[in-house]
Amino acid sequence: LAAGLGPRRVVVSLGADGAVFVEDGRAWAAPGLPVAVASPVGAGDAMVAALAMAAEGGRPLVEAAALAMAAGAAAAATEGTGPPAPESVAELARRVELRPLV
């Protein structure tokens, strides 16, 4: 009866240490991206927003994970609470390393 219920994707943020991404019994770990932190305020919000945007766009989890990690890191490297620059997010997304766990 419970088959098919519940979340399809699960993400656990580890803050500066990275995140774990799970989908359909597969899991990946992404270490945190080294950035000069200007303000951690809003980094988690940026990560969640990127995940939502990627999901809405139908992107596979590995692409969504890279975008989310990059958005969070770029937000932490941005002074204040404004959104990070899109070019910063794009550059950081290319540096994200996803390691399969399962």
C-alpha atoms as a PDB file:
ATOM      1  CA  LEU A   1       0.000   0.000   0.000  1.00  0.00           C
ATOM      2  CA  ALA A   2       2.851   2.396   0.796  1.00  0.00           C
ATOM      3  CA  ALA A   3       4.709   1.695  -2.456  1.00  0.00           C
ATOM      4  CA  GLY A   4       5.171   4.869  -4.418  1.00  0.00           C
ATOM      5  CA  LEU A   5       4.489   7.099  -1.443  1.00  0.00           C
ATOM      6  CA  GLY A   6       7.059   9.393   0.090  1.00  0.00           C
ATOM      7  CA  PRO A   7       9.761  11.533  -1.415  1.00  0.00           C
ATOM      8  CA  ARG A   8      11.486  10.515  -4.630  1.00  0.00           C
ATOM      9  CA  ARG A   9      14.590  12.535  -3.783  1.00  0.00           C
ATOM     10  CA  VAL A  10      16.201  13.204  -0.432  1.00  0.00           C
ATOM     11  CA  VAL A  11      18.984  15.699   0.213  1.00  0.00           C
ATOM     12  CA  VAL A  12      20.876  16.084   3.461  1.00  0.00           C
ATOM     13  CA  SER A  13      22.989  19.218   3.751  1.00  0.00           C
ATOM     14  CA  LEU A  14      26.181  18.888   5.752  1.00  0.00           C
ATOM     15  CA  GLY A  15      26.866  22.612   5.675  1.00  0.00           C
ATOM     16  CA  ALA A  16      30.414  23.446   4.643  1.00  0.00           C
ATOM     17  CA  ASP A  17      31.189  19.701   4.535  1.00  0.00           C
ATOM     18  CA  GLY A  18      28.912  19.157   1.531  1.00  0.00           C
ATOM     19  CA  ALA A  19      25.726  17.144   1.070  1.00  0.00           C
ATOM     20  CA  VAL A  20      24.315  13.698   0.393  1.00  0.00           C
ATOM     21  CA  PHE A  21      21.813  13.204  -2.428  1.00  0.00           C
ATOM     22  CA  VAL A  22      19.561  10.124  -2.683  1.00  0.00           C
ATOM     23  CA  GLU A  23      17.191   9.085  -5.439  1.00  0.00           C
ATOM     24  CA  ASP A  24      15.554   5.730  -6.197  1.00  0.00           C
ATOM     25  CA  GLY A  25      17.943   3.741  -3.987  1.00  0.00           C
ATOM     26  CA  ARG A  26      21.079   5.419  -5.350  1.00  0.00           C
ATOM     27  CA  ALA A  27      23.124   7.877  -3.315  1.00  0.00           C
ATOM     28  CA  TRP A  28      25.910  10.355  -3.986  1.00  0.00           C
ATOM     29  CA  ALA A  29      28.075  12.439  -1.690  1.00  0.00           C
ATOM     30  CA  ALA A  30      29.363  15.849  -2.698  1.00  0.00           C
ATOM     31  CA  PRO A  31      32.113  17.426  -0.598  1.00  0.00           C
ATOM     32  CA  GLY A  32      31.795  21.121   0.139  1.00  0.00           C
ATOM     33  CA  LEU A  33      33.340  23.514  -2.341  1.00  0.00           C
ATOM     34  CA  PRO A  34      36.232  25.564  -0.993  1.00  0.00           C
ATOM     35  CA  VAL A  35      35.240  29.229  -1.194  1.00  0.00           C
ATOM     36  CA  ALA A  36      36.148  32.338   0.752  1.00  0.00           C
ATOM     37  CA  VAL A  37      33.065  32.692   2.932  1.00  0.00           C
ATOM     38  CA  ALA A  38      31.730  36.247   3.059  1.00  0.00           C
ATOM     39  CA  SER A  39      28.457  35.316   4.794  1.00  0.00           C
ATOM     40  CA  PRO A  40      26.846  31.903   5.304  1.00  0.00           C
ATOM     41  CA  VAL A  41      23.413  33.560   5.594  1.00  0.00           C
ATOM     42  CA  GLY A  42      21.217  32.286   2.789  1.00  0.00           C
ATOM     43  CA  ALA A  43      23.549  29.531   1.563  1.00  0.00           C
ATOM     44  CA  GLY A  44      21.086  26.785   2.481  1.00  0.00           C
ATOM     45  CA  ASP A  45      18.222  28.749   0.970  1.00  0.00           C
ATOM     46  CA  ALA A  46      20.174  29.103  -2.277  1.00  0.00           C
ATOM     47  CA  MET A  47      20.844  25.368  -2.281  1.00  0.00           C
ATOM     48  CA  VAL A  48      17.153  24.530  -1.821  1.00  0.00           C
ATOM     49  CA  ALA A  49      16.110  27.063  -4.465  1.00  0.00           C
ATOM     50  CA  ALA A  50      18.529  25.541  -6.966  1.00  0.00           C
ATOM     51  CA  LEU A  51      17.225  22.046  -6.212  1.00  0.00           C
ATOM     52  CA  ALA A  52      13.642  23.201  -6.723  1.00  0.00           C
ATOM     53  CA  MET A  53      14.508  24.964  -9.968  1.00  0.00           C
ATOM     54  CA  ALA A  54      16.360  21.906 -11.273  1.00  0.00           C
ATOM     55  CA  ALA A  55      13.517  19.568 -10.301  1.00  0.00           C
ATOM     56  CA  GLU A  56      10.964  21.819 -11.982  1.00  0.00           C
ATOM     57  CA  GLY A  57      13.147  21.786 -15.098  1.00  0.00           C
ATOM     58  CA  GLY A  58      13.291  17.985 -15.085  1.00  0.00           C
ATOM     59  CA  ARG A  59      17.054  17.835 -14.601  1.00  0.00           C
ATOM     60  CA  PRO A  60      18.564  14.530 -13.451  1.00  0.00           C
ATOM     61  CA  LEU A  61      19.706  14.388  -9.841  1.00  0.00           C
ATOM     62  CA  VAL A  62      23.410  14.602 -10.661  1.00  0.00           C
ATOM     63  CA  GLU A  63      22.849  17.897 -12.507  1.00  0.00           C
ATOM     64  CA  ALA A  64      20.534  19.187  -9.775  1.00  0.00           C
ATOM     65  CA  ALA A  65      23.133  18.283  -7.139  1.00  0.00           C
ATOM     66  CA  ALA A  66      25.900  20.166  -8.936  1.00  0.00           C
ATOM     67  CA  LEU A  67      23.699  23.223  -9.338  1.00  0.00           C
ATOM     68  CA  ALA A  68      22.593  23.080  -5.697  1.00  0.00           C
ATOM     69  CA  MET A  69      26.128  22.716  -4.332  1.00  0.00           C
ATOM     70  CA  ALA A  70      27.321  25.567  -6.535  1.00  0.00           C
ATOM     71  CA  ALA A  71      24.452  27.868  -5.581  1.00  0.00           C
ATOM     72  CA  GLY A  72      25.037  27.281  -1.877  1.00  0.00           C
ATOM     73  CA  ALA A  73      28.774  27.881  -2.155  1.00  0.00           C
ATOM     74  CA  ALA A  74      28.329  30.964  -4.344  1.00  0.00           C
ATOM     75  CA  ALA A  75      25.809  32.385  -1.876  1.00  0.00           C
ATOM     76  CA  ALA A  76      28.247  31.835   1.009  1.00  0.00           C
ATOM     77  CA  ALA A  77      30.936  33.661  -0.975  1.00  0.00           C
ATOM     78  CA  THR A  78      28.577  36.599  -1.615  1.00  0.00           C
ATOM     79  CA  GLU A  79      28.525  39.505   0.824  1.00  0.00           C
ATOM     80  CA  GLY A  80      25.139  40.095   2.429  1.00  0.00           C
ATOM     81  CA  THR A  81      21.951  38.274   1.579  1.00  0.00           C
ATOM     82  CA  GLY A  82      21.646  38.992  -2.132  1.00  0.00           C
ATOM     83  CA  PRO A  83      21.617  36.190  -4.686  1.00  0.00           C
ATOM     84  CA  PRO A  84      24.943  34.985  -6.054  1.00  0.00           C
ATOM     85  CA  ALA A  85      26.005  35.944  -9.558  1.00  0.00           C
ATOM     86  CA  PRO A  86      24.866  33.339 -12.141  1.00  0.00           C
ATOM     87  CA  GLU A  87      28.378  33.160 -13.606  1.00  0.00           C
ATOM     88  CA  SER A  88      29.756  32.265 -10.157  1.00  0.00           C
ATOM     89  CA  VAL A  89      27.213  29.474  -9.819  1.00  0.00           C
ATOM     90  CA  ALA A  90      28.052  28.150 -13.308  1.00  0.00           C
ATOM     91  CA  GLU A  91      31.799  28.180 -12.610  1.00  0.00           C
ATOM     92  CA  LEU A  92      31.398  26.424  -9.258  1.00  0.00           C
ATOM     93  CA  ALA A  93      29.010  23.832 -10.728  1.00  0.00           C
ATOM     94  CA  ARG A  94      31.811  22.632 -12.998  1.00  0.00           C
ATOM     95  CA  ARG A  95      33.938  21.948  -9.891  1.00  0.00           C
ATOM     96  CA  VAL A  96      31.389  19.813  -8.015  1.00  0.00           C
ATOM     97  CA  GLU A  97      32.506  16.201  -7.479  1.00  0.00           C
ATOM     98  CA  LEU A  98      29.779  13.630  -6.900  1.00  0.00           C
ATOM     99  CA  ARG A  99      30.871  10.298  -5.444  1.00  0.00           C
ATOM    100  CA  PRO A 100      28.515   7.334  -5.665  1.00  0.00           C
ATOM    101  CA  LEU A 101      27.672   5.809  -2.272  1.00  0.00           C
ATOM    102  CA  VAL A 102      25.245   3.061  -3.278  1.00  0.00           C
END
